[in-house]
Amino acid sequence: MYGLIGRMIAAPGKRDELLSALNGSIGHMPGCLSYVIALDREHPDALWVTEVWDSAESHKASLSLPEVRAAITKARPIIAGFDNRVETIPVGGVGLAGAK
């Protein structure tokens, strides 16, 4: 399994627009077991994205999906930066039955 947790910073005042762009990419993504977008309580322009995939290869392949590419194109101009990113190895949790 492959996990990714990152904080994305939107351009000032553009967090909701960025959230909309990211939500637009959530569809059928082969190998994606969980994709959660959360608001940051402390930073008004930040979003946290937590992903769980069956493999790093599935995550990489998702970047070529038309929906994901469209979301990236829409989001890129309103992303001010990324300030936290960590890769993880998910081992279990709600919705991840059978994780090892």
PDB file of N, CA and C in Angstrom:
ATOM      1  N   MET A   1       0.844  -1.180   0.000  1.00  0.00           N
ATOM      2  CA  MET A   1       0.000   0.000   0.000  1.00  0.00           C
ATOM      3  C   MET A   1       0.884   1.236   0.000  1.00  0.00           C
ATOM      4  N   TYR A   2       0.313   2.312  -0.476  1.00  0.00           N
ATOM      5  CA  TYR A   2       1.031   3.573  -0.587  1.00  0.00           C
ATOM      6  C   TYR A   2       0.136   4.694  -0.081  1.00  0.00           C
ATOM      7  N   GLY A   3       0.684   5.559   0.752  1.00  0.00           N
ATOM      8  CA  GLY A   3      -0.069   6.685   1.269  1.00  0.00           C
ATOM      9  C   GLY A   3       0.657   7.988   1.012  1.00  0.00           C
ATOM     10  N   LEU A   4      -0.106   9.039   0.914  1.00  0.00           N
ATOM     11  CA  LEU A   4       0.442  10.365   0.695  1.00  0.00           C
ATOM     12  C   LEU A   4      -0.418  11.361   1.458  1.00  0.00           C
ATOM     13  N   ILE A   5       0.239  12.201   2.260  1.00  0.00           N
ATOM     14  CA  ILE A   5      -0.450  13.244   3.008  1.00  0.00           C
ATOM     15  C   ILE A   5       0.265  14.545   2.686  1.00  0.00           C
ATOM     16  N   GLY A   6      -0.482  15.547   2.252  1.00  0.00           N
ATOM     17  CA  GLY A   6       0.155  16.811   1.912  1.00  0.00           C
ATOM     18  C   GLY A   6      -0.735  18.002   2.186  1.00  0.00           C
ATOM     19  N   ARG A   7      -0.084  19.121   2.461  1.00  0.00           N
ATOM     20  CA  ARG A   7      -0.819  20.367   2.649  1.00  0.00           C
ATOM     21  C   ARG A   7      -0.546  21.281   1.464  1.00  0.00           C
ATOM     22  N   MET A   8      -1.620  21.723   0.872  1.00  0.00           N
ATOM     23  CA  MET A   8      -1.579  22.580  -0.313  1.00  0.00           C
ATOM     24  C   MET A   8      -2.063  23.968   0.104  1.00  0.00           C
ATOM     25  N   ILE A   9      -1.348  24.992  -0.324  1.00  0.00           N
ATOM     26  CA  ILE A   9      -1.731  26.356   0.006  1.00  0.00           C
ATOM     27  C   ILE A   9      -2.280  27.027  -1.255  1.00  0.00           C
ATOM     28  N   ALA A  10      -3.496  27.521  -1.147  1.00  0.00           N
ATOM     29  CA  ALA A  10      -4.123  28.231  -2.261  1.00  0.00           C
ATOM     30  C   ALA A  10      -3.663  29.682  -2.259  1.00  0.00           C
ATOM     31  N   ALA A  11      -3.753  30.312  -3.408  1.00  0.00           N
ATOM     32  CA  ALA A  11      -3.542  31.755  -3.477  1.00  0.00           C
ATOM     33  C   ALA A  11      -4.542  32.406  -2.521  1.00  0.00           C
ATOM     34  N   PRO A  12      -4.199  33.559  -1.939  1.00  0.00           N
ATOM     35  CA  PRO A  12      -5.094  34.192  -0.972  1.00  0.00           C
ATOM     36  C   PRO A  12      -6.536  34.306  -1.490  1.00  0.00           C
ATOM     37  N   GLY A  13      -7.451  33.802  -0.660  1.00  0.00           N
ATOM     38  CA  GLY A  13      -8.871  33.870  -0.992  1.00  0.00           C
ATOM     39  C   GLY A  13      -9.358  32.854  -2.006  1.00  0.00           C
ATOM     40  N   LYS A  14      -8.504  31.935  -2.440  1.00  0.00           N
ATOM     41  CA  LYS A  14      -8.867  30.981  -3.499  1.00  0.00           C
ATOM     42  C   LYS A  14      -9.047  29.547  -2.989  1.00  0.00           C
ATOM     43  N   ARG A  15      -9.088  29.355  -1.661  1.00  0.00           N
ATOM     44  CA  ARG A  15      -9.188  27.994  -1.135  1.00  0.00           C
ATOM     45  C   ARG A  15     -10.432  27.269  -1.634  1.00  0.00           C
ATOM     46  N   ASP A  16     -11.583  27.919  -1.622  1.00  0.00           N
ATOM     47  CA  ASP A  16     -12.812  27.245  -2.060  1.00  0.00           C
ATOM     48  C   ASP A  16     -12.751  26.873  -3.535  1.00  0.00           C
ATOM     49  N   GLU A  17     -12.145  27.732  -4.330  1.00  0.00           N
ATOM     50  CA  GLU A  17     -11.975  27.442  -5.755  1.00  0.00           C
ATOM     51  C   GLU A  17     -11.037  26.238  -5.944  1.00  0.00           C
ATOM     52  N   LEU A  18      -9.973  26.194  -5.151  1.00  0.00           N
ATOM     53  CA  LEU A  18      -9.055  25.058  -5.225  1.00  0.00           C
ATOM     54  C   LEU A  18      -9.746  23.777  -4.767  1.00  0.00           C
ATOM     55  N   LEU A  19     -10.504  23.864  -3.698  1.00  0.00           N
ATOM     56  CA  LEU A  19     -11.266  22.710  -3.208  1.00  0.00           C
ATOM     57  C   LEU A  19     -12.199  22.184  -4.292  1.00  0.00           C
ATOM     58  N   SER A  20     -12.869  23.080  -4.986  1.00  0.00           N
ATOM     59  CA  SER A  20     -13.771  22.685  -6.068  1.00  0.00           C
ATOM     60  C   SER A  20     -13.020  21.983  -7.188  1.00  0.00           C
ATOM     61  N   ALA A  21     -11.850  22.512  -7.534  1.00  0.00           N
ATOM     62  CA  ALA A  21     -11.046  21.885  -8.598  1.00  0.00           C
ATOM     63  C   ALA A  21     -10.603  20.485  -8.193  1.00  0.00           C
ATOM     64  N   LEU A  22     -10.174  20.326  -6.945  1.00  0.00           N
ATOM     65  CA  LEU A  22      -9.730  19.008  -6.482  1.00  0.00           C
ATOM     66  C   LEU A  22     -10.893  18.037  -6.395  1.00  0.00           C
ATOM     67  N   ASN A  23     -12.025  18.496  -5.897  1.00  0.00           N
ATOM     68  CA  ASN A  23     -13.205  17.625  -5.816  1.00  0.00           C
ATOM     69  C   ASN A  23     -13.658  17.176  -7.190  1.00  0.00           C
ATOM     70  N   GLY A  24     -13.409  17.987  -8.195  1.00  0.00           N
ATOM     71  CA  GLY A  24     -13.780  17.631  -9.563  1.00  0.00           C
ATOM     72  C   GLY A  24     -12.966  16.480 -10.113  1.00  0.00           C
ATOM     73  N   SER A  25     -11.820  16.202  -9.494  1.00  0.00           N
ATOM     74  CA  SER A  25     -10.971  15.119  -9.987  1.00  0.00           C
ATOM     75  C   SER A  25     -11.305  13.786  -9.343  1.00  0.00           C
ATOM     76  N   ILE A  26     -12.175  13.825  -8.341  1.00  0.00           N
ATOM     77  CA  ILE A  26     -12.499  12.590  -7.627  1.00  0.00           C
ATOM     78  C   ILE A  26     -13.574  11.844  -8.397  1.00  0.00           C
ATOM     79  N   GLY A  27     -13.161  10.812  -9.007  1.00  0.00           N
ATOM     80  CA  GLY A  27     -14.068   9.947  -9.738  1.00  0.00           C
ATOM     81  C   GLY A  27     -13.510   8.548  -9.613  1.00  0.00           C
ATOM     82  N   HIS A  28     -13.615   7.802 -10.641  1.00  0.00           N
ATOM     83  CA  HIS A  28     -13.038   6.465 -10.620  1.00  0.00           C
ATOM     84  C   HIS A  28     -11.529   6.582 -10.864  1.00  0.00           C
ATOM     85  N   MET A  29     -10.766   6.301  -9.824  1.00  0.00           N
ATOM     86  CA  MET A  29      -9.309   6.310  -9.935  1.00  0.00           C
ATOM     87  C   MET A  29      -8.839   4.912  -9.553  1.00  0.00           C
ATOM     88  N   PRO A  30      -8.528   4.085 -10.539  1.00  0.00           N
ATOM     89  CA  PRO A  30      -8.136   2.707 -10.246  1.00  0.00           C
ATOM     90  C   PRO A  30      -7.008   2.641  -9.219  1.00  0.00           C
ATOM     91  N   GLY A  31      -7.223   1.835  -8.200  1.00  0.00           N
ATOM     92  CA  GLY A  31      -6.222   1.646  -7.151  1.00  0.00           C
ATOM     93  C   GLY A  31      -6.348   2.607  -5.990  1.00  0.00           C
ATOM     94  N   CYS A  32      -7.218   3.607  -6.092  1.00  0.00           N
ATOM     95  CA  CYS A  32      -7.398   4.566  -5.005  1.00  0.00           C
ATOM     96  C   CYS A  32      -8.365   3.975  -3.979  1.00  0.00           C
ATOM     97  N   LEU A  33      -7.889   3.820  -2.760  1.00  0.00           N
ATOM     98  CA  LEU A  33      -8.705   3.268  -1.687  1.00  0.00           C
ATOM     99  C   LEU A  33      -9.326   4.359  -0.825  1.00  0.00           C
ATOM    100  N   SER A  34      -8.684   5.519  -0.791  1.00  0.00           N
ATOM    101  CA  SER A  34      -9.196   6.630   0.000  1.00  0.00           C
ATOM    102  C   SER A  34      -8.579   7.921  -0.514  1.00  0.00           C
ATOM    103  N   TYR A  35      -9.390   8.973  -0.625  1.00  0.00           N
ATOM    104  CA  TYR A  35      -8.924  10.294  -1.056  1.00  0.00           C
ATOM    105  C   TYR A  35      -9.753  11.299  -0.272  1.00  0.00           C
ATOM    106  N   VAL A  36      -9.119  11.961   0.687  1.00  0.00           N
ATOM    107  CA  VAL A  36      -9.834  12.869   1.584  1.00  0.00           C
ATOM    108  C   VAL A  36      -9.218  14.256   1.489  1.00  0.00           C
ATOM    109  N   ILE A  37     -10.057  15.265   1.294  1.00  0.00           N
ATOM    110  CA  ILE A  37      -9.628  16.658   1.280  1.00  0.00           C
ATOM    111  C   ILE A  37     -10.210  17.299   2.532  1.00  0.00           C
ATOM    112  N   ALA A  38      -9.352  17.998   3.287  1.00  0.00           N
ATOM    113  CA  ALA A  38      -9.805  18.621   4.531  1.00  0.00           C
ATOM    114  C   ALA A  38      -9.334  20.067   4.605  1.00  0.00           C
ATOM    115  N   LEU A  39     -10.153  20.902   5.218  1.00  0.00           N
ATOM    116  CA  LEU A  39      -9.774  22.288   5.470  1.00  0.00           C
ATOM    117  C   LEU A  39      -8.807  22.331   6.641  1.00  0.00           C
ATOM    118  N   ASP A  40      -7.857  23.231   6.604  1.00  0.00           N
ATOM    119  CA  ASP A  40      -6.926  23.444   7.705  1.00  0.00           C
ATOM    120  C   ASP A  40      -7.567  24.445   8.662  1.00  0.00           C
ATOM    121  N   ARG A  41      -7.698  24.089   9.915  1.00  0.00           N
ATOM    122  CA  ARG A  41      -8.351  24.959  10.905  1.00  0.00           C
ATOM    123  C   ARG A  41      -7.556  26.231  11.184  1.00  0.00           C
ATOM    124  N   GLU A  42      -6.244  26.182  11.012  1.00  0.00           N
ATOM    125  CA  GLU A  42      -5.386  27.309  11.387  1.00  0.00           C
ATOM    126  C   GLU A  42      -5.039  28.236  10.222  1.00  0.00           C
ATOM    127  N   HIS A  43      -5.040  27.705   9.017  1.00  0.00           N
ATOM    128  CA  HIS A  43      -4.593  28.485   7.850  1.00  0.00           C
ATOM    129  C   HIS A  43      -5.772  28.631   6.888  1.00  0.00           C
ATOM    130  N   PRO A  44      -6.253  29.846   6.680  1.00  0.00           N
ATOM    131  CA  PRO A  44      -7.469  30.036   5.877  1.00  0.00           C
ATOM    132  C   PRO A  44      -7.329  29.704   4.391  1.00  0.00           C
ATOM    133  N   ASP A  45      -6.111  29.521   3.905  1.00  0.00           N
ATOM    134  CA  ASP A  45      -5.922  29.207   2.492  1.00  0.00           C
ATOM    135  C   ASP A  45      -5.371  27.800   2.261  1.00  0.00           C
ATOM    136  N   ALA A  46      -5.334  26.984   3.319  1.00  0.00           N
ATOM    137  CA  ALA A  46      -4.702  25.660   3.211  1.00  0.00           C
ATOM    138  C   ALA A  46      -5.718  24.522   3.175  1.00  0.00           C
ATOM    139  N   LEU A  47      -5.345  23.489   2.421  1.00  0.00           N
ATOM    140  CA  LEU A  47      -6.088  22.231   2.348  1.00  0.00           C
ATOM    141  C   LEU A  47      -5.126  21.084   2.616  1.00  0.00           C
ATOM    142  N   TRP A  48      -5.598  20.079   3.304  1.00  0.00           N
ATOM    143  CA  TRP A  48      -4.845  18.835   3.483  1.00  0.00           C
ATOM    144  C   TRP A  48      -5.460  17.780   2.570  1.00  0.00           C
ATOM    145  N   VAL A  49      -4.621  17.030   1.895  1.00  0.00           N
ATOM    146  CA  VAL A  49      -5.084  15.921   1.059  1.00  0.00           C
ATOM    147  C   VAL A  49      -4.428  14.659   1.588  1.00  0.00           C
ATOM    148  N   THR A  50      -5.255  13.675   1.929  1.00  0.00           N
ATOM    149  CA  THR A  50      -4.785  12.393   2.438  1.00  0.00           C
ATOM    150  C   THR A  50      -5.242  11.319   1.469  1.00  0.00           C
ATOM    151  N   GLU A  51      -4.283  10.572   0.932  1.00  0.00           N
ATOM    152  CA  GLU A  51      -4.585   9.561  -0.080  1.00  0.00           C
ATOM    153  C   GLU A  51      -4.063   8.202   0.351  1.00  0.00           C
ATOM    154  N   VAL A  52      -4.796   7.153   0.007  1.00  0.00           N
ATOM    155  CA  VAL A  52      -4.330   5.778   0.179  1.00  0.00           C
ATOM    156  C   VAL A  52      -4.557   5.050  -1.139  1.00  0.00           C
ATOM    157  N   TRP A  53      -3.509   4.416  -1.609  1.00  0.00           N
ATOM    158  CA  TRP A  53      -3.525   3.700  -2.888  1.00  0.00           C
ATOM    159  C   TRP A  53      -3.072   2.265  -2.672  1.00  0.00           C
ATOM    160  N   ASP A  54      -3.473   1.397  -3.586  1.00  0.00           N
ATOM    161  CA  ASP A  54      -3.004   0.013  -3.487  1.00  0.00           C
ATOM    162  C   ASP A  54      -1.514  -0.085  -3.789  1.00  0.00           C
ATOM    163  N   SER A  55      -0.970   0.911  -4.519  1.00  0.00           N
ATOM    164  CA  SER A  55       0.467   0.920  -4.829  1.00  0.00           C
ATOM    165  C   SER A  55       0.888   2.321  -5.287  1.00  0.00           C
ATOM    166  N   ALA A  56       2.171   2.585  -5.199  1.00  0.00           N
ATOM    167  CA  ALA A  56       2.709   3.849  -5.705  1.00  0.00           C
ATOM    168  C   ALA A  56       2.497   3.949  -7.212  1.00  0.00           C
ATOM    169  N   GLU A  57       2.528   2.824  -7.884  1.00  0.00           N
ATOM    170  CA  GLU A  57       2.322   2.808  -9.340  1.00  0.00           C
ATOM    171  C   GLU A  57       0.909   3.259  -9.707  1.00  0.00           C
ATOM    172  N   SER A  58      -0.086   2.844  -8.926  1.00  0.00           N
ATOM    173  CA  SER A  58      -1.466   3.285  -9.192  1.00  0.00           C
ATOM    174  C   SER A  58      -1.589   4.792  -8.996  1.00  0.00           C
ATOM    175  N   HIS A  59      -0.928   5.308  -7.965  1.00  0.00           N
ATOM    176  CA  HIS A  59      -0.952   6.761  -7.748  1.00  0.00           C
ATOM    177  C   HIS A  59      -0.338   7.475  -8.943  1.00  0.00           C
ATOM    178  N   LYS A  60       0.814   7.029  -9.366  1.00  0.00           N
ATOM    179  CA  LYS A  60       1.495   7.652 -10.507  1.00  0.00           C
ATOM    180  C   LYS A  60       0.624   7.576 -11.768  1.00  0.00           C
ATOM    181  N   ALA A  61       0.000   6.434 -11.996  1.00  0.00           N
ATOM    182  CA  ALA A  61      -0.853   6.259 -13.174  1.00  0.00           C
ATOM    183  C   ALA A  61      -2.066   7.195 -13.131  1.00  0.00           C
ATOM    184  N   SER A  62      -2.542   7.504 -11.932  1.00  0.00           N
ATOM    185  CA  SER A  62      -3.717   8.378 -11.817  1.00  0.00           C
ATOM    186  C   SER A  62      -3.444   9.772 -12.380  1.00  0.00           C
ATOM    187  N   LEU A  63      -2.190  10.179 -12.368  1.00  0.00           N
ATOM    188  CA  LEU A  63      -1.843  11.511 -12.852  1.00  0.00           C
ATOM    189  C   LEU A  63      -2.044  11.666 -14.359  1.00  0.00           C
ATOM    190  N   SER A  64      -2.252  10.555 -15.060  1.00  0.00           N
ATOM    191  CA  SER A  64      -2.507  10.630 -16.494  1.00  0.00           C
ATOM    192  C   SER A  64      -3.992  10.485 -16.841  1.00  0.00           C
ATOM    193  N   LEU A  65      -4.839  10.297 -15.838  1.00  0.00           N
ATOM    194  CA  LEU A  65      -6.278  10.206 -16.094  1.00  0.00           C
ATOM    195  C   LEU A  65      -6.807  11.562 -16.558  1.00  0.00           C
ATOM    196  N   PRO A  66      -7.708  11.590 -17.546  1.00  0.00           N
ATOM    197  CA  PRO A  66      -8.224  12.865 -18.053  1.00  0.00           C
ATOM    198  C   PRO A  66      -8.813  13.772 -16.969  1.00  0.00           C
ATOM    199  N   GLU A  67      -9.566  13.193 -16.018  1.00  0.00           N
ATOM    200  CA  GLU A  67     -10.182  14.004 -14.962  1.00  0.00           C
ATOM    201  C   GLU A  67      -9.122  14.635 -14.061  1.00  0.00           C
ATOM    202  N   VAL A  68      -8.090  13.869 -13.760  1.00  0.00           N
ATOM    203  CA  VAL A  68      -7.028  14.369 -12.889  1.00  0.00           C
ATOM    204  C   VAL A  68      -6.217  15.438 -13.616  1.00  0.00           C
ATOM    205  N   ARG A  69      -5.915  15.198 -14.883  1.00  0.00           N
ATOM    206  CA  ARG A  69      -5.161  16.192 -15.665  1.00  0.00           C
ATOM    207  C   ARG A  69      -5.954  17.507 -15.773  1.00  0.00           C
ATOM    208  N   ALA A  70      -7.259  17.399 -15.961  1.00  0.00           N
ATOM    209  CA  ALA A  70      -8.096  18.599 -16.039  1.00  0.00           C
ATOM    210  C   ALA A  70      -8.091  19.352 -14.711  1.00  0.00           C
ATOM    211  N   ALA A  71      -8.156  18.622 -13.608  1.00  0.00           N
ATOM    212  CA  ALA A  71      -8.122  19.259 -12.288  1.00  0.00           C
ATOM    213  C   ALA A  71      -6.784  19.943 -12.050  1.00  0.00           C
ATOM    214  N   ILE A  72      -5.696  19.302 -12.453  1.00  0.00           N
ATOM    215  CA  ILE A  72      -4.367  19.899 -12.301  1.00  0.00           C
ATOM    216  C   ILE A  72      -4.283  21.195 -13.109  1.00  0.00           C
ATOM    217  N   THR A  73      -4.777  21.157 -14.334  1.00  0.00           N
ATOM    218  CA  THR A  73      -4.758  22.352 -15.188  1.00  0.00           C
ATOM    219  C   THR A  73      -5.565  23.485 -14.561  1.00  0.00           C
ATOM    220  N   LYS A  74      -6.707  23.155 -13.999  1.00  0.00           N
ATOM    221  CA  LYS A  74      -7.569  24.165 -13.381  1.00  0.00           C
ATOM    222  C   LYS A  74      -6.963  24.688 -12.070  1.00  0.00           C
ATOM    223  N   ALA A  75      -6.340  23.810 -11.300  1.00  0.00           N
ATOM    224  CA  ALA A  75      -5.828  24.174  -9.979  1.00  0.00           C
ATOM    225  C   ALA A  75      -4.474  24.885 -10.014  1.00  0.00           C
ATOM    226  N   ARG A  76      -3.631  24.527 -10.949  1.00  0.00           N
ATOM    227  CA  ARG A  76      -2.253  25.049 -10.974  1.00  0.00           C
ATOM    228  C   ARG A  76      -2.164  26.563 -10.799  1.00  0.00           C
ATOM    229  N   PRO A  77      -2.968  27.372 -11.508  1.00  0.00           N
ATOM    230  CA  PRO A  77      -2.825  28.832 -11.364  1.00  0.00           C
ATOM    231  C   PRO A  77      -3.218  29.377  -9.990  1.00  0.00           C
ATOM    232  N   ILE A  78      -3.980  28.607  -9.203  1.00  0.00           N
ATOM    233  CA  ILE A  78      -4.428  29.114  -7.898  1.00  0.00           C
ATOM    234  C   ILE A  78      -3.716  28.431  -6.730  1.00  0.00           C
ATOM    235  N   ILE A  79      -2.709  27.631  -7.014  1.00  0.00           N
ATOM    236  CA  ILE A  79      -1.907  27.018  -5.956  1.00  0.00           C
ATOM    237  C   ILE A  79      -0.706  27.917  -5.678  1.00  0.00           C
ATOM    238  N   ALA A  80      -0.615  28.376  -4.429  1.00  0.00           N
ATOM    239  CA  ALA A  80       0.517  29.219  -4.029  1.00  0.00           C
ATOM    240  C   ALA A  80       1.714  28.359  -3.631  1.00  0.00           C
ATOM    241  N   GLY A  81       1.465  27.120  -3.207  1.00  0.00           N
ATOM    242  CA  GLY A  81       2.579  26.257  -2.838  1.00  0.00           C
ATOM    243  C   GLY A  81       2.139  25.036  -2.058  1.00  0.00           C
ATOM    244  N   PHE A  82       3.131  24.237  -1.722  1.00  0.00           N
ATOM    245  CA  PHE A  82       2.965  23.030  -0.923  1.00  0.00           C
ATOM    246  C   PHE A  82       3.981  23.152   0.213  1.00  0.00           C
ATOM    247  N   ASP A  83       3.540  22.987   1.452  1.00  0.00           N
ATOM    248  CA  ASP A  83       4.517  23.157   2.516  1.00  0.00           C
ATOM    249  C   ASP A  83       4.730  21.937   3.399  1.00  0.00           C
ATOM    250  N   ASN A  84       3.946  20.925   3.226  1.00  0.00           N
ATOM    251  CA  ASN A  84       4.131  19.673   3.957  1.00  0.00           C
ATOM    252  C   ASN A  84       3.761  18.532   3.029  1.00  0.00           C
ATOM    253  N   ARG A  85       4.575  17.494   3.029  1.00  0.00           N
ATOM    254  CA  ARG A  85       4.280  16.319   2.200  1.00  0.00           C
ATOM    255  C   ARG A  85       5.006  15.132   2.807  1.00  0.00           C
ATOM    256  N   VAL A  86       4.297  14.059   2.981  1.00  0.00           N
ATOM    257  CA  VAL A  86       4.918  12.852   3.520  1.00  0.00           C
ATOM    258  C   VAL A  86       4.303  11.636   2.834  1.00  0.00           C
ATOM    259  N   GLU A  87       5.160  10.693   2.482  1.00  0.00           N
ATOM    260  CA  GLU A  87       4.700   9.411   1.956  1.00  0.00           C
ATOM    261  C   GLU A  87       4.611   8.451   3.131  1.00  0.00           C
ATOM    262  N   THR A  88       3.577   7.618   3.120  1.00  0.00           N
ATOM    263  CA  THR A  88       3.363   6.684   4.224  1.00  0.00           C
ATOM    264  C   THR A  88       3.122   5.278   3.687  1.00  0.00           C
ATOM    265  N   ILE A  89       3.108   4.331   4.608  1.00  0.00           N
ATOM    266  CA  ILE A  89       2.738   2.951   4.294  1.00  0.00           C
ATOM    267  C   ILE A  89       1.524   2.621   5.156  1.00  0.00           C
ATOM    268  N   PRO A  90       0.316   2.792   4.611  1.00  0.00           N
ATOM    269  CA  PRO A  90      -0.895   2.505   5.385  1.00  0.00           C
ATOM    270  C   PRO A  90      -0.933   1.033   5.805  1.00  0.00           C
ATOM    271  N   VAL A  91      -1.344   0.796   7.042  1.00  0.00           N
ATOM    272  CA  VAL A  91      -1.406  -0.576   7.551  1.00  0.00           C
ATOM    273  C   VAL A  91      -2.786  -0.977   8.050  1.00  0.00           C
ATOM    274  N   GLY A  92      -3.733  -0.059   8.052  1.00  0.00           N
ATOM    275  CA  GLY A  92      -5.085  -0.404   8.474  1.00  0.00           C
ATOM    276  C   GLY A  92      -5.891   0.828   8.792  1.00  0.00           C
ATOM    277  N   GLY A  93      -7.151   0.608   9.104  1.00  0.00           N
ATOM    278  CA  GLY A  93      -8.044   1.697   9.456  1.00  0.00           C
ATOM    279  C   GLY A  93      -9.407   1.479   8.828  1.00  0.00           C
ATOM    280  N   VAL A  94     -10.342   2.333   9.201  1.00  0.00           N
ATOM    281  CA  VAL A  94     -11.700   2.252   8.670  1.00  0.00           C
ATOM    282  C   VAL A  94     -11.636   2.384   7.152  1.00  0.00           C
ATOM    283  N   GLY A  95     -12.254   1.465   6.464  1.00  0.00           N
ATOM    284  CA  GLY A  95     -12.267   1.501   5.009  1.00  0.00           C
ATOM    285  C   GLY A  95     -11.076   0.828   4.364  1.00  0.00           C
ATOM    286  N   LEU A  96     -10.130   0.386   5.163  1.00  0.00           N
ATOM    287  CA  LEU A  96      -8.926  -0.241   4.617  1.00  0.00           C
ATOM    288  C   LEU A  96      -8.800  -1.682   5.071  1.00  0.00           C
ATOM    289  N   ALA A  97      -9.895  -2.393   5.101  1.00  0.00           N
ATOM    290  CA  ALA A  97      -9.881  -3.794   5.487  1.00  0.00           C
ATOM    291  C   ALA A  97      -8.886  -4.564   4.627  1.00  0.00           C
ATOM    292  N   GLY A  98      -8.128  -5.389   5.244  1.00  0.00           N
ATOM    293  CA  GLY A  98      -7.153  -6.192   4.506  1.00  0.00           C
ATOM    294  C   GLY A  98      -5.817  -5.500   4.314  1.00  0.00           C
ATOM    295  N   ALA A  99      -5.691  -4.279   4.824  1.00  0.00           N
ATOM    296  CA  ALA A  99      -4.391  -3.583   4.712  1.00  0.00           C
ATOM    297  C   ALA A  99      -3.351  -4.343   5.523  1.00  0.00           C
ATOM    298  N   LYS A 100      -2.167  -4.394   4.971  1.00  0.00           N
ATOM    299  CA  LYS A 100      -1.080  -5.091   5.667  1.00  0.00           C
ATOM    300  C   LYS A 100       0.121  -4.185   5.733  1.00  0.00           C
TER     301      LYS A 100
END
